[in-house]
C-alpha atoms as a PDB file:
ATOM      1  CA  UNK A   1     -42.032  59.283  66.278  1.00  0.00           C
ATOM      2  CA  UNK A   2     -41.231  62.735  67.573  1.00  0.00           C
ATOM      3  CA  UNK A   3     -38.537  61.215  69.725  1.00  0.00           C
ATOM      4  CA  UNK A   4     -36.893  59.685  66.635  1.00  0.00           C
ATOM      5  CA  UNK A   5     -37.011  62.994  64.728  1.00  0.00           C
ATOM      6  CA  UNK A   6     -35.463  64.812  67.682  1.00  0.00           C
ATOM      7  CA  UNK A   7     -32.732  62.181  68.008  1.00  0.00           C
ATOM      8  CA  UNK A   8     -31.865  62.296  64.276  1.00  0.00           C
ATOM      9  CA  UNK A   9     -31.751  66.135  64.299  1.00  0.00           C
ATOM     10  CA  UNK A  10     -29.536  66.124  67.368  1.00  0.00           C
ATOM     11  CA  UNK A  11     -27.252  63.547  65.745  1.00  0.00           C
ATOM     12  CA  UNK A  12     -26.700  65.627  62.606  1.00  0.00           C
ATOM     13  CA  UNK A  13     -26.190  68.796  64.653  1.00  0.00           C
ATOM     14  CA  UNK A  14     -23.540  67.095  66.764  1.00  0.00           C
ATOM     15  CA  UNK A  15     -21.900  65.595  63.660  1.00  0.00           C
ATOM     16  CA  UNK A  16     -21.733  68.991  61.988  1.00  0.00           C
ATOM     17  CA  UNK A  17     -20.369  70.640  65.139  1.00  0.00           C
ATOM     18  CA  UNK A  18     -17.705  67.958  65.378  1.00  0.00           C
ATOM     19  CA  UNK A  19     -16.594  68.746  61.832  1.00  0.00           C
ATOM     20  CA  UNK A  20     -16.047  72.432  62.542  1.00  0.00           C
ATOM     21  CA  UNK A  21     -12.322  73.117  63.052  1.00  0.00           C
ATOM     22  CA  UNK A  22     -11.175  69.825  61.485  1.00  0.00           C
ATOM     23  CA  UNK A  23      -9.861  69.169  57.978  1.00  0.00           C
ATOM     24  CA  UNK A  24     -12.667  67.878  55.754  1.00  0.00           C
ATOM     25  CA  UNK A  25     -13.119  66.945  52.086  1.00  0.00           C
ATOM     26  CA  UNK A  26     -16.282  68.390  50.562  1.00  0.00           C
ATOM     27  CA  UNK A  27     -17.753  66.967  47.321  1.00  0.00           C
ATOM     28  CA  UNK A  28     -19.764  69.438  45.232  1.00  0.00           C
ATOM     29  CA  UNK A  29     -22.660  68.687  42.883  1.00  0.00           C
ATOM     30  CA  UNK A  30     -20.387  68.910  39.822  1.00  0.00           C
ATOM     31  CA  UNK A  31     -18.111  66.237  41.282  1.00  0.00           C
ATOM     32  CA  UNK A  32     -15.243  68.572  42.233  1.00  0.00           C
ATOM     33  CA  UNK A  33     -13.735  68.305  45.677  1.00  0.00           C
ATOM     34  CA  UNK A  34     -12.469  70.930  48.098  1.00  0.00           C
ATOM     35  CA  UNK A  35     -10.320  70.054  51.081  1.00  0.00           C
ATOM     36  CA  UNK A  36     -10.087  72.430  53.982  1.00  0.00           C
ATOM     37  CA  UNK A  37     -11.071  73.377  57.494  1.00  0.00           C
ATOM     38  CA  UNK A  38     -14.717  74.193  58.195  1.00  0.00           C
ATOM     39  CA  UNK A  39     -14.679  77.540  59.946  1.00  0.00           C
ATOM     40  CA  UNK A  40     -18.420  77.926  60.440  1.00  0.00           C
ATOM     41  CA  UNK A  41     -21.649  76.160  59.456  1.00  0.00           C
ATOM     42  CA  UNK A  42     -24.781  78.294  59.324  1.00  0.00           C
ATOM     43  CA  UNK A  43     -28.103  78.053  57.574  1.00  0.00           C
ATOM     44  CA  UNK A  44     -27.417  77.601  53.847  1.00  0.00           C
ATOM     45  CA  UNK A  45     -23.731  78.592  54.093  1.00  0.00           C
ATOM     46  CA  UNK A  46     -20.578  76.624  54.803  1.00  0.00           C
ATOM     47  CA  UNK A  47     -17.440  78.710  55.431  1.00  0.00           C
ATOM     48  CA  UNK A  48     -14.289  76.737  54.564  1.00  0.00           C
ATOM     49  CA  UNK A  49     -10.585  77.616  54.810  1.00  0.00           C
ATOM     50  CA  UNK A  50      -9.306  75.909  51.652  1.00  0.00           C
ATOM     51  CA  UNK A  51      -6.213  73.666  51.738  1.00  0.00           C
ATOM     52  CA  UNK A  52      -6.738  71.828  48.437  1.00  0.00           C
ATOM     53  CA  UNK A  53      -6.984  72.005  45.455  1.00  0.00           C
ATOM     54  CA  UNK A  54      -3.895  74.098  44.801  1.00  0.00           C
ATOM     55  CA  UNK A  55      -5.442  75.326  41.521  1.00  0.00           C
ATOM     56  CA  UNK A  56      -8.806  77.086  41.644  1.00  0.00           C
ATOM     57  CA  UNK A  57     -10.689  78.223  38.525  1.00  0.00           C
ATOM     58  CA  UNK A  58     -12.367  81.618  38.993  1.00  0.00           C
ATOM     59  CA  UNK A  59     -14.720  83.666  36.879  1.00  0.00           C
ATOM     60  CA  UNK A  60     -12.943  86.913  35.904  1.00  0.00           C
ATOM     61  CA  UNK A  61     -16.226  88.809  36.053  1.00  0.00           C
ATOM     62  CA  UNK A  62     -16.315  88.151  39.785  1.00  0.00           C
ATOM     63  CA  UNK A  63     -12.714  89.317  40.432  1.00  0.00           C
ATOM     64  CA  UNK A  64     -12.313  92.871  41.731  1.00  0.00           C
ATOM     65  CA  UNK A  65      -8.526  93.048  42.151  1.00  0.00           C
ATOM     66  CA  UNK A  66      -5.432  90.840  41.943  1.00  0.00           C
ATOM     67  CA  UNK A  67      -2.351  91.758  43.983  1.00  0.00           C
ATOM     68  CA  UNK A  68       0.648  89.992  45.466  1.00  0.00           C
ATOM     69  CA  UNK A  69       0.203  88.275  48.795  1.00  0.00           C
ATOM     70  CA  UNK A  70       1.838  90.104  51.698  1.00  0.00           C
ATOM     71  CA  UNK A  71       2.068  89.891  55.441  1.00  0.00           C
ATOM     72  CA  UNK A  72      -0.453  92.435  56.812  1.00  0.00           C
ATOM     73  CA  UNK A  73       2.132  93.506  59.398  1.00  0.00           C
ATOM     74  CA  UNK A  74       4.931  93.911  56.826  1.00  0.00           C
ATOM     75  CA  UNK A  75       5.786  97.492  55.866  1.00  0.00           C
ATOM     76  CA  UNK A  76       6.664  98.221  52.228  1.00  0.00           C
ATOM     77  CA  UNK A  77       8.596 101.208  50.928  1.00  0.00           C
ATOM     78  CA  UNK A  78       5.539 103.209  49.807  1.00  0.00           C
ATOM     79  CA  UNK A  79       3.293 102.457  52.792  1.00  0.00           C
ATOM     80  CA  UNK A  80       2.164 105.741  54.281  1.00  0.00           C
ATOM     81  CA  UNK A  81       3.007 106.786  57.805  1.00  0.00           C
ATOM     82  CA  UNK A  82       5.521 108.531  60.024  1.00  0.00           C
ATOM     83  CA  UNK A  83       9.143 107.436  59.935  1.00  0.00           C
ATOM     84  CA  UNK A  84      12.461 107.952  61.691  1.00  0.00           C
ATOM     85  CA  UNK A  85      15.630 107.538  59.628  1.00  0.00           C
ATOM     86  CA  UNK A  86      19.018 107.399  61.366  1.00  0.00           C
ATOM     87  CA  UNK A  87      22.213 107.175  59.302  1.00  0.00           C
ATOM     88  CA  UNK A  88      25.935 106.977  59.936  1.00  0.00           C
ATOM     89  CA  UNK A  89      27.888 108.523  57.076  1.00  0.00           C
ATOM     90  CA  UNK A  90      31.478 108.468  55.866  1.00  0.00           C
ATOM     91  CA  UNK A  91      32.449 111.653  53.996  1.00  0.00           C
ATOM     92  CA  UNK A  92      35.403 111.192  51.656  1.00  0.00           C
ATOM     93  CA  UNK A  93      37.341 113.825  49.718  1.00  0.00           C
ATOM     94  CA  UNK A  94      40.724 115.411  49.063  1.00  0.00           C
ATOM     95  CA  UNK A  95      42.675 118.452  50.231  1.00  0.00           C
ATOM     96  CA  UNK A  96      46.214 119.786  49.690  1.00  0.00           C
ATOM     97  CA  UNK A  97      47.645 116.995  51.855  1.00  0.00           C
ATOM     98  CA  UNK A  98      45.817 114.048  50.272  1.00  0.00           C
ATOM     99  CA  UNK A  99      42.689 112.022  50.959  1.00  0.00           C
ATOM    100  CA  UNK A 100      40.553 112.970  53.952  1.00  0.00           C
ATOM    101  CA  UNK A 101      37.723 111.119  55.683  1.00  0.00           C
ATOM    102  CA  UNK A 102      35.276 112.077  58.394  1.00  0.00           C
ATOM    103  CA  UNK A 103      32.268 110.529  60.143  1.00  0.00           C
ATOM    104  CA  UNK A 104      28.881 112.206  60.404  1.00  0.00           C
ATOM    105  CA  UNK A 105      25.508 111.304  61.863  1.00  0.00           C
ATOM    106  CA  UNK A 106      22.057 112.286  60.595  1.00  0.00           C
ATOM    107  CA  UNK A 107      18.583 111.884  62.110  1.00  0.00           C
ATOM    108  CA  UNK A 108      15.469 112.589  60.024  1.00  0.00           C
ATOM    109  CA  UNK A 109      11.831 112.528  61.091  1.00  0.00           C
ATOM    110  CA  UNK A 110       9.008 112.851  58.579  1.00  0.00           C
ATOM    111  CA  UNK A 111       6.024 111.368  56.771  1.00  0.00           C
ATOM    112  CA  UNK A 112       5.903 108.843  53.933  1.00  0.00           C
ATOM    113  CA  UNK A 113       3.126 109.292  51.343  1.00  0.00           C
ATOM    114  CA  UNK A 114       1.598 106.525  49.199  1.00  0.00           C
ATOM    115  CA  UNK A 115       2.824 108.177  45.978  1.00  0.00           C
ATOM    116  CA  UNK A 116       6.406 107.342  46.994  1.00  0.00           C
ATOM    117  CA  UNK A 117       7.389 110.808  48.234  1.00  0.00           C
ATOM    118  CA  UNK A 118       8.440 111.399  51.832  1.00  0.00           C
ATOM    119  CA  UNK A 119       9.043 114.772  53.475  1.00  0.00           C
ATOM    120  CA  UNK A 120      10.871 115.399  56.713  1.00  0.00           C
ATOM    121  CA  UNK A 121      13.229 117.478  58.815  1.00  0.00           C
ATOM    122  CA  UNK A 122      16.772 116.423  59.675  1.00  0.00           C
ATOM    123  CA  UNK A 123      19.433 117.270  62.233  1.00  0.00           C
ATOM    124  CA  UNK A 124      23.001 115.973  62.432  1.00  0.00           C
ATOM    125  CA  UNK A 125      26.600 116.442  63.516  1.00  0.00           C
ATOM    126  CA  UNK A 126      29.568 116.658  61.116  1.00  0.00           C
ATOM    127  CA  UNK A 127      33.160 117.813  61.079  1.00  0.00           C
ATOM    128  CA  UNK A 128      34.502 120.186  58.404  1.00  0.00           C
ATOM    129  CA  UNK A 129      37.566 121.838  60.021  1.00  0.00           C
ATOM    130  CA  UNK A 130      35.086 122.916  62.697  1.00  0.00           C
ATOM    131  CA  UNK A 131      32.095 120.900  63.948  1.00  0.00           C
ATOM    132  CA  UNK A 132      28.957 121.560  61.875  1.00  0.00           C
ATOM    133  CA  UNK A 133      25.319 121.080  62.933  1.00  0.00           C
ATOM    134  CA  UNK A 134      23.233 120.697  59.736  1.00  0.00           C
ATOM    135  CA  UNK A 135      19.537 121.546  60.021  1.00  0.00           C
ATOM    136  CA  UNK A 136      17.834 120.531  56.807  1.00  0.00           C
ATOM    137  CA  UNK A 137      14.689 119.766  54.870  1.00  0.00           C
ATOM    138  CA  UNK A 138      14.625 116.139  53.716  1.00  0.00           C
ATOM    139  CA  UNK A 139      12.870 114.729  50.640  1.00  0.00           C
ATOM    140  CA  UNK A 140      12.960 111.119  49.439  1.00  0.00           C
ATOM    141  CA  UNK A 141      11.285 109.275  46.562  1.00  0.00           C
ATOM    142  CA  UNK A 142      10.589 105.548  46.116  1.00  0.00           C
ATOM    143  CA  UNK A 143       9.726 104.719  42.468  1.00  0.00           C
ATOM    144  CA  UNK A 144       8.134 101.392  43.493  1.00  0.00           C
ATOM    145  CA  UNK A 145       6.526  99.723  46.497  1.00  0.00           C
ATOM    146  CA  UNK A 146       8.640  96.753  47.560  1.00  0.00           C
ATOM    147  CA  UNK A 147      10.359  95.264  50.571  1.00  0.00           C
ATOM    148  CA  UNK A 148      13.693  95.913  48.834  1.00  0.00           C
ATOM    149  CA  UNK A 149      13.338  99.217  47.020  1.00  0.00           C
ATOM    150  CA  UNK A 150      15.670 101.848  45.537  1.00  0.00           C
ATOM    151  CA  UNK A 151      15.192 105.511  46.413  1.00  0.00           C
ATOM    152  CA  UNK A 152      16.416 108.999  45.553  1.00  0.00           C
ATOM    153  CA  UNK A 153      17.076 111.530  48.289  1.00  0.00           C
ATOM    154  CA  UNK A 154      17.963 115.200  48.661  1.00  0.00           C
ATOM    155  CA  UNK A 155      18.619 117.421  51.673  1.00  0.00           C
ATOM    156  CA  UNK A 156      18.926 121.168  51.780  1.00  0.00           C
ATOM    157  CA  UNK A 157      19.265 123.530  54.708  1.00  0.00           C
ATOM    158  CA  UNK A 158      21.913 125.341  56.728  1.00  0.00           C
ATOM    159  CA  UNK A 159      25.035 124.021  58.438  1.00  0.00           C
ATOM    160  CA  UNK A 160      25.755 125.927  61.654  1.00  0.00           C
ATOM    161  CA  UNK A 161      29.364 126.153  62.823  1.00  0.00           C
ATOM    162  CA  UNK A 162      29.834 124.902  66.378  1.00  0.00           C
ATOM    163  CA  UNK A 163      32.955 126.228  68.106  1.00  0.00           C
ATOM    164  CA  UNK A 164      34.005 128.736  70.762  1.00  0.00           C
ATOM    165  CA  UNK A 165      34.165 132.306  69.569  1.00  0.00           C
ATOM    166  CA  UNK A 166      37.924 132.416  69.961  1.00  0.00           C
ATOM    167  CA  UNK A 167      40.562 129.692  69.633  1.00  0.00           C
ATOM    168  CA  UNK A 168      44.275 130.206  70.235  1.00  0.00           C
ATOM    169  CA  UNK A 169      46.629 129.530  67.322  1.00  0.00           C
ATOM    170  CA  UNK A 170      50.249 128.407  67.419  1.00  0.00           C
ATOM    171  CA  UNK A 171      51.374 131.364  65.275  1.00  0.00           C
ATOM    172  CA  UNK A 172      50.660 134.287  67.651  1.00  0.00           C
ATOM    173  CA  UNK A 173      47.010 134.780  66.852  1.00  0.00           C
ATOM    174  CA  UNK A 174      43.547 133.373  67.207  1.00  0.00           C
ATOM    175  CA  UNK A 175      40.581 132.304  65.130  1.00  0.00           C
ATOM    176  CA  UNK A 176      37.221 133.836  65.890  1.00  0.00           C
ATOM    177  CA  UNK A 177      33.553 133.488  64.978  1.00  0.00           C
ATOM    178  CA  UNK A 178      33.582 130.684  62.376  1.00  0.00           C
ATOM    179  CA  UNK A 179      30.481 130.565  60.221  1.00  0.00           C
ATOM    180  CA  UNK A 180      28.681 127.843  58.362  1.00  0.00           C
ATOM    181  CA  UNK A 181      26.647 128.176  55.188  1.00  0.00           C
ATOM    182  CA  UNK A 182      23.743 126.707  53.248  1.00  0.00           C
ATOM    183  CA  UNK A 183      24.290 122.983  52.729  1.00  0.00           C
ATOM    184  CA  UNK A 184      23.238 120.502  50.051  1.00  0.00           C
ATOM    185  CA  UNK A 185      23.153 116.724  49.945  1.00  0.00           C
ATOM    186  CA  UNK A 186      21.736 114.309  47.331  1.00  0.00           C
ATOM    187  CA  UNK A 187      22.147 110.705  46.281  1.00  0.00           C
ATOM    188  CA  UNK A 188      20.653 107.266  45.687  1.00  0.00           C
ATOM    189  CA  UNK A 189      20.115 104.342  48.006  1.00  0.00           C
ATOM    190  CA  UNK A 190      18.328 101.067  48.730  1.00  0.00           C
ATOM    191  CA  UNK A 191      15.985 100.294  51.627  1.00  0.00           C
ATOM    192  CA  UNK A 192      15.592  96.676  52.755  1.00  0.00           C
ATOM    193  CA  UNK A 193      12.540  96.087  54.961  1.00  0.00           C
ATOM    194  CA  UNK A 194      13.823  92.944  56.630  1.00  0.00           C
ATOM    195  CA  UNK A 195      11.607  93.409  59.697  1.00  0.00           C
ATOM    196  CA  UNK A 196       7.882  94.118  59.964  1.00  0.00           C
ATOM    197  CA  UNK A 197       8.229  97.829  60.728  1.00  0.00           C
ATOM    198  CA  UNK A 198      11.921  98.562  60.204  1.00  0.00           C
ATOM    199  CA  UNK A 199      14.478  98.569  57.405  1.00  0.00           C
ATOM    200  CA  UNK A 200      18.185  98.793  56.714  1.00  0.00           C
ATOM    201  CA  UNK A 201      19.261 101.473  54.248  1.00  0.00           C
ATOM    202  CA  UNK A 202      22.489 102.015  52.319  1.00  0.00           C
ATOM    203  CA  UNK A 203      23.277 104.956  50.087  1.00  0.00           C
ATOM    204  CA  UNK A 204      25.828 106.828  48.008  1.00  0.00           C
ATOM    205  CA  UNK A 205      25.678 110.567  47.486  1.00  0.00           C
ATOM    206  CA  UNK A 206      27.249 114.014  47.261  1.00  0.00           C
ATOM    207  CA  UNK A 207      27.635 116.531  50.102  1.00  0.00           C
ATOM    208  CA  UNK A 208      28.435 120.250  49.834  1.00  0.00           C
ATOM    209  CA  UNK A 209      29.329 122.598  52.697  1.00  0.00           C
ATOM    210  CA  UNK A 210      31.172 125.899  53.051  1.00  0.00           C
ATOM    211  CA  UNK A 211      32.969 127.142  56.182  1.00  0.00           C
ATOM    212  CA  UNK A 212      34.196 130.705  56.747  1.00  0.00           C
ATOM    213  CA  UNK A 213      36.922 131.358  59.334  1.00  0.00           C
ATOM    214  CA  UNK A 214      38.349 134.667  60.573  1.00  0.00           C
ATOM    215  CA  UNK A 215      41.969 134.890  61.779  1.00  0.00           C
ATOM    216  CA  UNK A 216      43.388 137.816  63.756  1.00  0.00           C
ATOM    217  CA  UNK A 217      47.080 138.106  64.739  1.00  0.00           C
ATOM    218  CA  UNK A 218      48.630 139.834  67.738  1.00  0.00           C
ATOM    219  CA  UNK A 219      51.301 141.538  65.684  1.00  0.00           C
ATOM    220  CA  UNK A 220      48.711 143.207  63.441  1.00  0.00           C
ATOM    221  CA  UNK A 221      45.606 143.976  65.485  1.00  0.00           C
ATOM    222  CA  UNK A 222      43.833 145.825  62.720  1.00  0.00           C
ATOM    223  CA  UNK A 223      44.159 142.978  60.231  1.00  0.00           C
ATOM    224  CA  UNK A 224      41.597 140.162  60.085  1.00  0.00           C
ATOM    225  CA  UNK A 225      42.075 137.476  57.480  1.00  0.00           C
ATOM    226  CA  UNK A 226      38.982 135.744  56.118  1.00  0.00           C
ATOM    227  CA  UNK A 227      39.395 132.174  54.891  1.00  0.00           C
ATOM    228  CA  UNK A 228      36.549 130.504  53.002  1.00  0.00           C
ATOM    229  CA  UNK A 229      36.773 126.755  52.456  1.00  0.00           C
ATOM    230  CA  UNK A 230      34.351 124.824  50.278  1.00  0.00           C
ATOM    231  CA  UNK A 231      33.921 121.101  50.867  1.00  0.00           C
ATOM    232  CA  UNK A 232      32.791 118.696  48.160  1.00  0.00           C
ATOM    233  CA  UNK A 233      32.499 115.209  49.588  1.00  0.00           C
ATOM    234  CA  UNK A 234      31.371 111.773  48.480  1.00  0.00           C
ATOM    235  CA  UNK A 235      29.001 110.322  51.058  1.00  0.00           C
ATOM    236  CA  UNK A 236      28.651 106.640  51.971  1.00  0.00           C
ATOM    237  CA  UNK A 237      25.753 106.015  54.352  1.00  0.00           C
ATOM    238  CA  UNK A 238      24.327 103.102  56.328  1.00  0.00           C
ATOM    239  CA  UNK A 239      21.203 103.522  58.417  1.00  0.00           C
ATOM    240  CA  UNK A 240      17.961 102.258  59.895  1.00  0.00           C
ATOM    241  CA  UNK A 241      14.382 103.262  59.081  1.00  0.00           C
ATOM    242  CA  UNK A 242      11.642 102.871  61.691  1.00  0.00           C
ATOM    243  CA  UNK A 243       7.940 103.183  60.832  1.00  0.00           C
END
């Protein structure tokens, strides 16, 4: 008799073990059926990865939170963490001779907070008559957490003029010691997180910079002419964000 009991127990144990990992249909006491893969079978509990039914009725009192399904490796706009943002920008404007365009590059490194605000520091290279190195404080705001999300941005800092102290001119003189000025940049854009931890960004904004140049002429050594030029440019930017 004991041999029969042992054999029956072993049979059911092997049958249950064979079911683990395979798709099964389970009939409940109320007659409803659940189709899925048995993940584990322990004393009193059966853990099932549900495949069917596609509609499940749940008691609201037992629900803690409802949120959209997302890939756990997918980064959204408001997910917190460090970021690197590299952009290539086209600066468009006008001067006395017509439309002018120039290319600039910007690299920002900072931290994204869950409230949508990110803070960082930026460094770039631009050309406004003389090469300019902007060193700036960067702030960005995402009003919503999505894979494709709009944002507002602003940058403020100082643009340092980058040129030799003296440069020969064609009209018997030379330019010396150009200076930059405080800079300002703001605009709107869209980030598209098309990869798990990276995004493409596009933006449209406004850029302000002032450059001061000093000209001294051989025929009038005591005279130095100061020329201040203010630049107001429309900025088109395309970049990449890495988290």
